[in-house]
Each structure stands twice: as C-alpha cells, then as structure tokens.
Protein backbone atom coordinates (compact mmCIF):
# COMPACT_ATOMS: atom_id res chain seq x y z
CA UNK A 1 135.10 -89.75 80.52
CA UNK A 2 133.99 -91.61 83.60
CA UNK A 3 135.01 -90.38 87.01
CA UNK A 4 137.37 -93.32 87.47
CA UNK A 5 139.16 -92.57 84.20
CA UNK A 6 139.53 -88.94 85.24
CA UNK A 7 140.92 -90.05 88.61
CA UNK A 8 143.50 -92.27 86.91
CA UNK A 9 144.52 -89.47 84.61
CA UNK A 10 144.77 -87.10 87.59
CA UNK A 11 147.12 -89.49 89.38
CA UNK A 12 149.25 -90.03 86.28
CA UNK A 13 149.62 -86.27 85.90
CA UNK A 14 151.21 -85.99 89.32
CA UNK A 15 154.54 -86.64 87.62
CA UNK A 16 156.44 -83.63 86.38
CA UNK A 17 154.01 -81.61 84.25
CA UNK A 18 154.90 -81.49 80.59
CA UNK A 19 154.06 -80.88 76.97
CA UNK A 20 155.42 -81.87 73.54
CA UNK A 21 156.83 -79.75 70.79
CA UNK A 22 158.69 -81.01 67.70
CA UNK A 23 161.17 -78.21 67.38
CA UNK A 24 164.78 -78.49 66.19
CA UNK A 25 167.33 -79.96 68.60
CA UNK A 26 164.89 -81.61 70.95
CA UNK A 27 166.31 -84.52 72.92
CA UNK A 28 165.05 -88.07 72.58
CA UNK A 29 163.51 -87.78 76.05
CA UNK A 30 162.81 -84.32 77.37
CA UNK A 31 160.57 -81.70 78.92
CA UNK A 32 159.96 -78.06 78.13
CA UNK A 33 158.01 -75.19 79.72
CA UNK A 34 155.13 -73.64 77.78
CA UNK A 35 154.45 -70.04 78.82
CA UNK A 36 151.52 -67.79 77.87
CA UNK A 37 151.70 -64.77 75.61
CA UNK A 38 148.40 -63.15 76.47
CA UNK A 39 145.56 -65.41 75.27
CA UNK A 40 146.48 -66.03 71.67
CA UNK A 41 149.93 -67.56 71.77
CA UNK A 42 152.69 -69.06 73.87
CA UNK A 43 156.45 -69.25 74.08
CA UNK A 44 158.51 -72.34 74.82
CA UNK A 45 161.60 -72.57 76.99
CA UNK A 46 164.64 -74.74 76.37
CA UNK A 47 164.30 -78.50 76.25
CA UNK A 48 165.61 -80.33 79.29
CA UNK A 49 166.97 -83.87 78.91
CA UNK A 50 165.43 -86.56 81.06
CA UNK A 51 166.02 -87.81 83.65
CA UNK A 52 166.72 -84.51 85.39
CA UNK A 53 166.26 -82.71 88.71
CA UNK A 54 165.47 -79.47 86.90
CA UNK A 55 162.64 -77.44 88.48
CA UNK A 56 160.17 -76.26 85.87
CA UNK A 57 159.08 -72.75 86.85
CA UNK A 58 155.87 -72.81 84.84
CA UNK A 59 152.35 -74.27 84.92
CA UNK A 60 152.32 -76.12 81.57
CA UNK A 61 155.07 -78.60 80.76
CA UNK A 62 155.38 -80.66 77.60
CA UNK A 63 157.07 -84.04 77.68
CA UNK A 64 158.34 -86.16 74.82
CA UNK A 65 159.77 -89.65 74.80
CA UNK A 66 161.17 -91.06 71.57
CA UNK A 67 161.54 -94.78 70.92
CA UNK A 68 162.42 -96.66 67.76
CA UNK A 69 158.75 -97.12 66.93
CA UNK A 70 156.89 -94.09 68.26
CA UNK A 71 156.86 -90.69 69.93
CA UNK A 72 155.01 -90.42 73.23
CA UNK A 73 153.90 -86.86 73.94
CA UNK A 74 151.96 -85.39 76.82
CA UNK A 75 150.93 -82.05 78.27
CA UNK A 76 151.17 -81.82 82.05
CA UNK A 77 149.85 -79.13 84.36
CA UNK A 78 151.05 -77.97 87.74
CA UNK A 79 150.76 -74.84 89.86
CA UNK A 80 154.22 -73.36 90.23
CA UNK A 81 153.69 -71.12 93.23
CA UNK A 82 154.90 -67.57 92.76
CA UNK A 83 156.48 -65.44 95.44
CA UNK A 84 154.60 -62.82 97.39
CA UNK A 85 151.87 -65.04 98.82
CA UNK A 86 150.44 -63.50 101.99
CA UNK A 87 148.56 -65.48 104.62
CA UNK A 88 144.98 -64.37 105.24
CA UNK A 89 141.72 -65.72 106.64
CA UNK A 90 139.71 -64.39 103.69
CA UNK A 91 137.59 -66.87 101.81
CA UNK A 92 138.50 -68.18 98.36
CA UNK A 93 136.31 -67.30 95.38
CA UNK A 94 135.74 -69.74 92.50
CA UNK A 95 133.75 -69.02 89.34
CA UNK A 96 132.90 -71.97 87.08
CA UNK A 97 131.06 -70.84 83.92
CA UNK A 98 129.81 -73.57 81.58
CA UNK A 99 129.14 -71.87 78.27
CA UNK A 100 125.67 -72.07 76.67
CA UNK A 101 124.02 -73.67 79.71
CA UNK A 102 120.54 -72.62 80.79
CA UNK A 103 118.86 -73.14 84.14
CA UNK A 104 116.67 -75.91 82.68
CA UNK A 105 119.64 -77.57 80.96
CA UNK A 106 121.47 -77.82 84.27
CA UNK A 107 118.44 -79.46 85.91
CA UNK A 108 118.07 -81.95 83.06
CA UNK A 109 121.76 -82.75 82.68
CA UNK A 110 123.23 -82.65 86.21
CA UNK A 111 120.63 -84.19 88.56
CA UNK A 112 123.20 -85.91 90.77
CA UNK A 113 125.51 -82.91 90.96
CA UNK A 114 122.77 -80.42 91.78
CA UNK A 115 121.22 -82.74 94.37
CA UNK A 116 124.58 -83.16 96.09
CA UNK A 117 125.33 -79.42 96.08
CA UNK A 118 121.92 -78.51 97.50
CA UNK A 119 121.74 -81.23 100.14
CA UNK A 120 125.38 -81.42 101.23
CA UNK A 121 126.69 -77.91 100.62
CA UNK A 122 123.64 -75.68 101.00
CA UNK A 123 123.83 -74.48 97.39
CA UNK A 124 121.06 -72.21 96.12
CA UNK A 125 119.99 -72.19 92.47
CA UNK A 126 118.78 -68.84 91.12
CA UNK A 127 115.89 -69.69 88.83
CA UNK A 128 115.54 -66.35 87.06
CA UNK A 129 118.97 -65.07 86.08
CA UNK A 130 118.44 -62.96 82.95
CA UNK A 131 121.15 -62.53 80.34
CA UNK A 132 121.87 -58.93 79.32
CA UNK A 133 123.65 -59.52 76.00
CA UNK A 134 123.45 -61.81 73.02
CA UNK A 135 126.53 -63.96 73.57
CA UNK A 136 129.44 -64.54 75.93
CA UNK A 137 131.27 -61.23 75.60
CA UNK A 138 128.41 -58.82 76.50
CA UNK A 139 127.38 -61.09 79.38
CA UNK A 140 130.94 -61.59 80.58
CA UNK A 141 131.82 -57.91 80.80
CA UNK A 142 129.23 -57.10 83.50
CA UNK A 143 130.53 -60.12 85.42
CA UNK A 144 134.19 -59.17 85.21
CA UNK A 145 134.12 -55.37 84.97
CA UNK A 146 130.67 -54.38 86.21
CA UNK A 147 130.19 -52.54 82.90
CA UNK A 148 127.75 -53.20 80.05
CA UNK A 149 128.88 -53.18 76.42
CA UNK A 150 125.49 -53.88 74.82
CA UNK A 151 122.42 -51.69 75.13
CA UNK A 152 118.98 -52.09 73.63
CA UNK A 153 115.40 -50.97 73.43
CA UNK A 154 113.14 -50.92 76.50
CA UNK A 155 109.94 -50.16 74.61
CA UNK A 156 108.40 -53.31 76.06
CA UNK A 157 108.31 -51.64 79.48
CA UNK A 158 107.77 -48.09 78.24
CA UNK A 159 111.24 -46.78 79.07
CA UNK A 160 114.02 -45.09 77.06
CA UNK A 161 116.70 -47.29 75.46
CA UNK A 162 119.52 -48.69 77.56
CA UNK A 163 122.80 -47.01 76.69
CA UNK A 164 125.81 -49.28 77.34
CA UNK A 165 128.47 -48.12 79.79
CA UNK A 166 131.20 -48.77 77.24
CA UNK A 167 131.21 -48.66 73.46
CA UNK A 168 132.22 -52.20 72.54
CA UNK A 169 134.13 -51.22 69.39
CA UNK A 170 136.10 -48.56 71.27
CA UNK A 171 136.82 -50.63 74.36
CA UNK A 172 138.04 -53.44 72.09
CA UNK A 173 140.88 -51.18 70.96
CA UNK A 174 141.85 -50.09 74.48
CA UNK A 175 144.07 -51.85 76.97
CA UNK A 176 141.94 -52.60 80.02
CA UNK A 177 144.57 -52.70 82.77
CA UNK A 178 143.44 -49.36 84.23
CA UNK A 179 139.83 -50.47 84.73
CA UNK A 180 138.33 -52.34 87.65
CA UNK A 181 138.52 -56.05 86.73
CA UNK A 182 137.65 -58.77 89.19
CA UNK A 183 140.85 -60.84 88.97
CA UNK A 184 143.16 -57.82 89.04
CA UNK A 185 141.19 -56.20 91.86
CA UNK A 186 141.32 -59.33 93.99
CA UNK A 187 145.02 -59.65 93.18
CA UNK A 188 145.61 -56.19 94.62
CA UNK A 189 143.90 -57.37 97.81
CA UNK A 190 146.41 -60.19 98.26
CA UNK A 191 144.61 -62.99 96.38
CA UNK A 192 146.42 -65.34 94.02
CA UNK A 193 144.59 -65.55 90.71
CA UNK A 194 143.95 -68.11 87.99
CA UNK A 195 142.02 -68.17 84.72
CA UNK A 196 141.22 -70.92 82.23
CA UNK A 197 139.07 -71.14 79.13
CA UNK A 198 139.02 -73.37 76.07
CA UNK A 199 137.77 -72.97 72.49
CA UNK A 200 139.20 -69.49 71.89
CA UNK A 201 140.65 -66.43 73.57
CA UNK A 202 138.83 -64.99 76.59
CA UNK A 203 136.16 -62.31 76.46
CA UNK A 204 138.58 -59.41 76.90
CA UNK A 205 140.52 -60.49 73.80
CA UNK A 206 137.65 -61.77 71.66
CA UNK A 207 137.61 -61.64 68.73
CA UNK A 208 140.67 -59.46 68.02
CA UNK A 209 140.78 -57.02 70.94
CA UNK A 210 143.74 -55.54 72.82
CA UNK A 211 142.80 -56.97 76.22
CA UNK A 212 145.49 -56.38 78.84
CA UNK A 213 149.08 -55.17 78.54
CA UNK A 214 150.10 -57.25 81.53
CA UNK A 215 149.09 -60.76 82.52
CA UNK A 216 145.50 -60.92 83.76
CA UNK A 217 146.24 -63.67 86.29
CA UNK A 218 149.06 -65.38 88.16
CA UNK A 219 148.22 -68.70 86.52
CA UNK A 220 146.85 -69.11 82.99
CA UNK A 221 145.75 -72.44 81.47
CA UNK A 222 145.34 -71.16 77.91
CA UNK A 223 148.76 -72.37 76.55
CA UNK A 224 147.64 -75.95 77.24
CA UNK A 225 144.69 -75.61 74.87
CA UNK A 226 146.66 -73.83 72.16
CA UNK A 227 149.46 -76.37 72.19
CA UNK A 228 147.05 -79.31 72.32
CA UNK A 229 145.15 -78.09 69.27
CA UNK A 230 148.16 -77.42 67.07
CA UNK A 231 149.94 -80.77 67.46
CA UNK A 232 148.68 -84.19 66.39
CA UNK A 233 151.12 -85.77 68.84
CA UNK A 234 148.66 -85.25 71.68
CA UNK A 235 145.78 -87.11 70.06
CA UNK A 236 146.84 -90.44 71.56
CA UNK A 237 147.60 -89.08 75.04
CA UNK A 238 144.55 -86.82 75.28
CA UNK A 239 141.62 -87.39 72.88
CA UNK A 240 142.21 -91.12 72.44
CA UNK A 241 142.54 -91.49 76.22
CA UNK A 242 139.09 -90.04 76.95
CA UNK A 243 140.39 -86.62 77.92
CA UNK A 244 138.09 -83.62 77.48
CA UNK A 245 138.64 -79.89 77.81
CA UNK A 246 136.41 -79.45 80.86
CA UNK A 247 138.21 -82.30 82.64
CA UNK A 248 141.59 -80.79 81.87
CA UNK A 249 140.46 -77.41 83.20
CA UNK A 250 138.91 -78.94 86.32
CA UNK A 251 142.21 -80.71 86.98
CA UNK A 252 144.07 -77.39 86.72
CA UNK A 253 141.50 -75.71 88.96
CA UNK A 254 141.81 -78.49 91.52
CA UNK A 255 145.58 -78.11 91.67
CA UNK A 256 145.17 -74.35 92.11
CA UNK A 257 142.65 -74.87 94.91
CA UNK A 258 145.20 -76.97 96.80
CA UNK A 259 148.10 -74.55 96.23
CA UNK A 260 149.17 -71.50 98.26
CA UNK A 261 148.11 -72.91 101.61
CA UNK A 262 146.80 -70.11 103.81
CA UNK A 263 146.65 -67.57 100.98
CA UNK A 264 143.24 -66.57 99.54
CA UNK A 265 142.64 -67.44 95.90
CA UNK A 266 140.24 -66.52 93.12
CA UNK A 267 139.82 -68.51 89.91
CA UNK A 268 137.62 -68.26 86.84
CA UNK A 269 137.18 -71.37 84.71
CA UNK A 270 135.09 -71.16 81.53
CA UNK A 271 134.55 -74.47 79.68
CA UNK A 272 133.06 -73.72 76.27
CA UNK A 273 133.46 -76.89 74.22
CA UNK A 274 131.33 -79.03 76.54
CA UNK A 275 127.89 -77.56 75.73
CA UNK A 276 128.51 -74.96 73.03
CA UNK A 277 127.65 -77.10 70.01
CA UNK A 278 125.07 -79.52 71.39
CA UNK A 279 122.48 -79.84 74.13
CA UNK A 280 123.26 -83.56 74.43
CA UNK A 281 126.91 -83.44 75.45
CA UNK A 282 126.22 -81.99 78.89
CA UNK A 283 124.53 -85.13 80.27
CA UNK A 284 127.65 -87.29 80.53
CA UNK A 285 129.44 -84.63 82.59
CA UNK A 286 127.16 -85.10 85.61
CA UNK A 287 129.52 -87.71 87.07
CA UNK A 288 132.53 -85.51 86.30
CA UNK A 289 131.23 -82.47 88.17
CA UNK A 290 129.87 -84.57 91.02
CA UNK A 291 133.28 -86.19 91.54
CA UNK A 292 135.01 -82.80 91.39
CA UNK A 293 132.79 -81.27 94.06
CA UNK A 294 133.01 -84.35 96.27
CA UNK A 295 136.81 -84.44 96.15
CA UNK A 296 137.12 -80.76 96.96
CA UNK A 297 134.29 -80.39 99.46
CA UNK A 298 136.55 -79.27 102.30
CA UNK A 299 138.02 -76.40 100.28
CA UNK A 300 134.69 -75.37 98.79
CA UNK A 301 133.17 -75.31 102.27
CA UNK A 302 135.51 -72.41 102.98
CA UNK A 303 134.83 -70.61 99.70
CA UNK A 304 132.32 -68.63 97.72
CA UNK A 305 131.60 -70.77 94.67
CA UNK A 306 129.63 -69.64 91.61
CA UNK A 307 128.53 -72.45 89.27
CA UNK A 308 126.82 -70.91 86.27
CA UNK A 309 126.28 -70.36 82.56
CA UNK A 310 126.74 -67.22 80.47
CA UNK A 311 123.61 -67.68 78.37
CA UNK A 312 121.43 -70.54 77.24
CA UNK A 313 121.70 -72.75 74.13
CA UNK A 314 121.06 -71.76 70.53
CA UNK A 315 122.11 -74.92 68.65
CA UNK A 316 120.16 -77.80 67.11
CA UNK A 317 117.07 -75.73 66.32
CA UNK A 318 116.18 -74.89 69.92
CA UNK A 319 115.85 -71.22 68.98
CA UNK A 320 112.83 -72.06 66.84
CA UNK A 321 110.85 -73.19 69.89
CA UNK A 322 109.21 -70.80 72.32
CA UNK A 323 110.65 -72.59 75.36
CA UNK A 324 114.00 -72.79 73.60
CA UNK A 325 114.02 -69.02 73.15
CA UNK A 326 113.31 -68.67 76.87
CA UNK A 327 116.16 -71.02 77.75
CA UNK A 328 118.60 -68.92 75.74
CA UNK A 329 117.66 -65.91 77.89
CA UNK A 330 117.89 -67.74 81.24
CA UNK A 331 121.44 -68.92 82.06
CA UNK A 332 122.14 -71.29 84.92
CA UNK A 333 123.32 -69.91 88.27
CA UNK A 334 123.97 -71.74 91.52
CA UNK A 335 125.86 -70.25 94.46
CA UNK A 336 127.60 -71.90 97.40
CA UNK A 337 128.62 -69.84 100.43
CA UNK A 338 131.23 -70.85 103.03
CA UNK A 339 129.91 -73.30 105.62
CA UNK A 340 130.36 -70.72 108.37
CA UNK A 341 127.63 -68.57 106.77
CA UNK A 342 125.06 -71.30 106.07
CA UNK A 343 123.02 -70.71 109.21
CA UNK A 344 123.25 -66.94 109.15
CA UNK A 345 121.35 -64.00 107.69
CA UNK A 346 123.64 -64.09 104.64
CA UNK A 347 122.41 -67.56 103.66
CA UNK A 348 118.82 -66.55 104.43
CA UNK A 349 119.10 -63.58 102.07
CA UNK A 350 120.52 -65.83 99.38
CA UNK A 351 117.65 -68.33 99.67
CA UNK A 352 115.11 -65.52 99.42
CA UNK A 353 116.40 -64.83 95.92
CA UNK A 354 115.30 -68.12 94.40
CA UNK A 355 112.47 -66.43 92.50
CA UNK A 356 113.09 -62.68 91.89
CA UNK A 357 114.73 -61.69 88.61
CA UNK A 358 118.46 -60.96 88.59
CA UNK A 359 121.14 -60.16 86.04
CA UNK A 360 124.90 -60.38 85.70
CA UNK A 361 125.55 -57.12 87.57
CA UNK A 362 124.15 -58.78 90.72
CA UNK A 363 126.76 -61.52 90.96
CA UNK A 364 128.20 -61.18 94.44
CA UNK A 365 131.92 -61.64 93.87
CA UNK A 366 131.88 -57.97 92.85
CA UNK A 367 130.81 -56.96 96.38
CA UNK A 368 134.29 -55.68 97.15
CA UNK A 369 134.55 -53.80 93.85
CA UNK A 370 133.98 -50.01 93.76
CA UNK A 371 130.92 -48.50 92.11
CA UNK A 372 129.31 -51.82 91.21
CA UNK A 373 125.92 -51.32 89.54
CA UNK A 374 124.38 -54.55 90.79
CA UNK A 375 122.57 -55.58 93.94
CA UNK A 376 124.38 -58.18 96.02
CA UNK A 377 122.89 -61.66 96.19
CA UNK A 378 123.92 -61.74 99.86
CA UNK A 379 122.18 -58.55 100.91
CA UNK A 380 118.55 -57.51 101.16
CA UNK A 381 116.86 -56.50 97.93
CA UNK A 382 114.25 -53.78 98.09
CA UNK A 383 111.59 -52.98 95.56
CA UNK A 384 110.38 -54.86 92.51
CA UNK A 385 112.75 -57.00 90.44
CA UNK A 386 111.73 -57.17 86.78
CA UNK A 387 112.72 -55.97 83.33
CA UNK A 388 111.44 -52.50 84.13
CA UNK A 389 113.56 -52.01 87.25
CA UNK A 390 116.70 -53.86 86.09
CA UNK A 391 119.06 -52.92 83.21
CA UNK A 392 117.80 -55.65 80.87
CA UNK A 393 117.11 -54.92 77.17
CA UNK A 394 113.56 -55.81 76.15
CA UNK A 395 114.68 -58.42 73.61
CA UNK A 396 116.32 -60.44 76.40
CA UNK A 397 113.61 -60.12 79.04
CA UNK A 398 112.41 -63.45 80.49
CA UNK A 399 109.34 -61.88 82.11
CA UNK A 400 106.11 -63.15 80.59
CA UNK A 401 103.84 -60.45 79.17
CA UNK A 402 100.55 -60.72 77.33
CA UNK A 403 101.15 -61.30 73.65
CA UNK A 404 98.88 -61.48 70.65
CA UNK A 405 99.52 -64.23 68.14
CA UNK A 406 99.37 -62.96 64.58
CA UNK A 407 96.94 -65.20 62.66
CA UNK A 408 96.37 -63.23 59.47
CA UNK A 409 98.61 -64.41 56.64
CA UNK A 410 98.67 -60.98 55.05
CA UNK A 411 99.90 -59.35 58.27
CA UNK A 412 102.49 -62.09 58.77
CA UNK A 413 103.84 -61.41 55.30
CA UNK A 414 103.89 -57.68 55.96
CA UNK A 415 105.75 -58.13 59.24
CA UNK A 416 108.26 -60.53 57.70
CA UNK A 417 109.07 -58.34 54.71
CA UNK A 418 109.32 -55.27 56.95
CA UNK A 419 111.82 -56.99 59.22
CA UNK A 420 113.95 -58.27 56.31
CA UNK A 421 114.01 -54.82 54.71
CA UNK A 422 115.01 -53.16 57.99
CA UNK A 423 117.82 -55.68 58.47
CA UNK A 424 119.11 -55.09 54.94
CA UNK A 425 118.96 -51.33 55.51
CA UNK A 426 120.88 -51.71 58.78
CA UNK A 427 123.62 -53.67 57.01
CA UNK A 428 123.69 -51.02 54.25
CA UNK A 429 124.19 -48.18 56.75
CA UNK A 430 127.12 -50.11 58.22
CA UNK A 431 128.75 -50.45 54.79
CA UNK A 432 128.28 -54.21 54.71
CA UNK A 433 125.89 -54.72 51.80
CA UNK A 434 128.57 -56.32 49.63
CA UNK A 435 129.83 -58.60 52.40
CA UNK A 436 126.50 -59.87 53.71
CA UNK A 437 123.80 -61.81 51.95
CA UNK A 438 120.58 -59.92 51.32
CA UNK A 439 117.82 -61.06 53.67
CA UNK A 440 114.36 -62.17 52.54
CA UNK A 441 111.31 -63.14 54.56
CA UNK A 442 110.78 -66.82 55.26
CA UNK A 443 109.08 -66.84 58.67
CA UNK A 444 108.84 -64.40 61.54
CA UNK A 445 108.99 -64.49 65.32
CA UNK A 446 106.92 -61.51 66.46
CA UNK A 447 107.62 -60.11 69.94
CA UNK A 448 105.60 -56.91 69.93
CA UNK A 449 102.45 -55.56 68.36
CA UNK A 450 102.32 -51.98 67.07
CA UNK A 451 99.69 -49.51 66.00
CA UNK A 452 99.65 -47.91 62.59
CA UNK A 453 102.93 -48.07 60.69
CA UNK A 454 105.40 -50.74 61.68
CA UNK A 455 108.30 -49.56 63.83
CA UNK A 456 111.34 -51.67 64.64
CA UNK A 457 111.38 -51.70 68.43
CA UNK A 458 113.88 -54.15 69.87
CA UNK A 459 116.57 -54.52 67.22
CA UNK A 460 117.80 -57.81 65.82
CA UNK A 461 118.29 -61.06 67.72
CA UNK A 462 119.72 -64.09 65.96
CA UNK A 463 118.06 -67.37 66.93
CA UNK A 464 120.42 -69.81 65.18
CA UNK A 465 124.16 -70.45 65.44
CA UNK A 466 126.53 -68.06 63.74
CA UNK A 467 130.02 -69.22 64.68
CA UNK A 468 132.66 -66.89 63.24
CA UNK A 469 130.30 -65.04 60.89
CA UNK A 470 129.84 -62.07 63.20
CA UNK A 471 133.34 -61.74 64.66
CA UNK A 472 134.40 -58.67 62.70
CA UNK A 473 131.04 -57.37 61.54
CA UNK A 474 127.90 -55.97 63.14
CA UNK A 475 127.59 -58.08 66.26
CA UNK A 476 126.32 -61.47 65.11
CA UNK A 477 123.76 -60.69 62.45
CA UNK A 478 125.73 -60.82 59.21
CA UNK A 479 125.53 -64.04 57.16
CA UNK A 480 128.76 -63.75 55.14
CA UNK A 481 128.47 -64.29 51.42
CA UNK A 482 130.32 -67.26 49.99
CA UNK A 483 133.07 -66.46 47.52
C-alpha cells in the first residue's frame, strides 16, 4: 500500500477502535473489546450498542454495522493507557525485526529508507551480523533472554562444540516468567511495554511451548491478527483496502510511541509475512518504512531504535546459490541512537563496528540486563571478532575461509551418500524413521574437507523452506511422509 493510502487508513482509524465478531445477540451496530489470552487466543467482551459514550478499556476493538444489504466490519487499534505510569527522562527503546531479511536484502529493497536514516538520523548499519541459529526461535532467544538454545560444531575453527545455555526441548515446557527477559526487565524498571508479531505465536510460545504464565507486555497486538484471520468479514475492510500486516503493526507501534507522555517505553514489533515467503515483496515497503520514520522522527530522535532481521532468506531457491547461503547467515541490522549521543564517544564506538563480526548477544538493548554474554555495540570492543572468538556455530559462520571444490565425481557421490546415510541414521536414533521420508543423495553442498574416513562435522542445515514440517520433530530437518 502506498504511503498516502496508509495515511488515510491511519486517519480513519482514529475513530473508536473496533473489531467484528458474529456471535449470538450482537446488535445491528456495535463494538466489542478483543483481549489477548497469551499468544494463541483471545477473549471478547460484551457488545456495546452504537452510538455510545462507553470507554473501551482495551487495545483492539471490533466494530460491526449491519444494513439491509451488507455487514461492515472493522478492527480498530488504540493504546488504552494503563495505570502506574511513572515519569522519567530515560530513553525509549524500539525493536523492529523484519523476518527473513538479510543485510543485502535491506540495501536492495529499502534504498530510500536507509538513505534517510543514515543521513538524517545518524543510523549505522552493521554489515556483519552473524546469525547463531537456524530460524527465528534460536536467534530470538539470545536477543530477548541473552541465552542460546542451539549449539553446534566448531570444528571449522578447531574448538570444542558450542553447548547451548538452555535445552530447547526442556525450556519449551517451562514457564519463563522467572528468567531475565527484555520486556519484563524493562517493565520492572518503570518502562511501559508493547509487543506485536504476525503469522503465528511469538518465539517464546512457538510452536507449542508454555511461554509465560503472566502477560509478557502491557500492550499486545496479537488478538488483531488472530481475529482478522478467522473471519471473512474483514476481507473488504482490510485486504481489499490495501491493508497489510506490517502496516497494521506499524500503526499500532506509532500509537504506542505517542502514548504515555513522559514515561519511557519499550516495544518489539516483528513483521513476518512481509518477507518470509518471497524476496520480492520487500521492495514495495520502502515507501512505507520511510513514511513511518519521517512521521515519527522527533520521538525516534529521543530513542534507541533497532531496525533488523532475524536471519536471511531461504525461499525461491536462494539457498542453492553460494551468495544466497551467505545472505541467510547475515541478517540485517541498523541502529539509531538518541540525537543527544550522536556527537559523542557512544556514537563513535557504534560507527567503529561497521565491519567487525557481531552476533545476537551483542545487541545493546540488553546493556541493562544482568549477566549478558554479549559485548555492547556502544562500548569499546577489544580483541579479534570472528567465528573463533564469538559463540557462533561453524555451520552459520559468515567468515570466508579457504575451501577446496570437489571435482571428482566419485568423491562427490561418496560424500552425498555419506551425508544421506548419516541423516537417516540421525532420524532413526530420534525414533522418527516411520514419520520422515528416507533421504537419498541428489546433490551435495560441501563445507569442509576431511582426511581419511568421512566424519560429520557441522550437523545438518536445511537450505530450502520447511514451513510446519519441523515444528514438532527434530528441529527443521524432517520431511514428513504423506499419508
């Protein structure tokens, strides 16, 4: 949607926020609150007849207007300010994570946005952010908790394997309220908090995890996406009116940024639908993001703003190309510091980090968190920064090492069959032989050479899309058999 269309929609939404539900006993014209139940569901309040002076004490409101010929339904958003806000001079923190977006993708797709952020807001793009896990969840946990949930071999740099801080299967069953988590930690320091993501539940709940007992934020956008997806009534008011998930989340973020005047805020917004399925869909959003940053420049100038990806793309065959494999390992990261720091040593330290390698434990909004493993982007780094000195599994390392291309057909066949057999054996040891298709050699991507007998060094990395196939199985490697 063009910036002007988004602006019109934004103005139209300034009416009482709302949403539509066709439940029994709804009035011909009415509104109802939609409230979150963790990340997977919602509950609806009582319908209120319109017109009315009723104050909706919620963030998502559904409206419905019934005429003789049609039903007009819409989902509105607002920020209903909660009590307990405390004035403070601390800076806001905003984290905008565009799923499946690499550093190169951002340069190709958002030339106007990146130019504006660099020239007008002193933004610094980190060229060599290295992912530390295969997909969103193992990269998101170091961001949010400062803890790794995926380990891996480090044979490439001659070091012992990386052992994850947390066992992913075990932590999935635990409630995480007792652990250090960025939104909860900032909330304890007097910040108001907000979170939004589309496509599915957030990383702490994905795919079927316990997550938190209590609400993870003061304001949660998730009910909007659930309600939108389950009702065809919103097709006309949303999809057919050029609405998109990232625009809806940016609108919610913008309202949050302008709420709680004088109280510090932290928000995490994670658009997934925009770039998850295609490399092409990101291009049209350049105008959207540019308009968002321009409208909110005054607030962002008093904030720490992280604009980033969680990992690079894997769709549309890009994983079959050498550069495409690199892009998957190198997510986008750009940071904006408050204007008051842009001519100080803090900004100088940030600009010095354009080139050295970094990973998700370095992201600076964890500076105030206890026992963080990373090195702050805003403080001096000492020593070498590479896959030997940082906690990066060898299979995800973006550093370029000398490699030998295998030219002999016989050796290629041997390597391919060896890999397929090892993968089948791995699935067998996990009790998944009957659920997963047996794997056979077709072609091989060889990362390492070995002497003598073949030894599996770096584990398995899937280069294509896998969708829901790996949700309940061994990571992402199982291709489920068709019934």
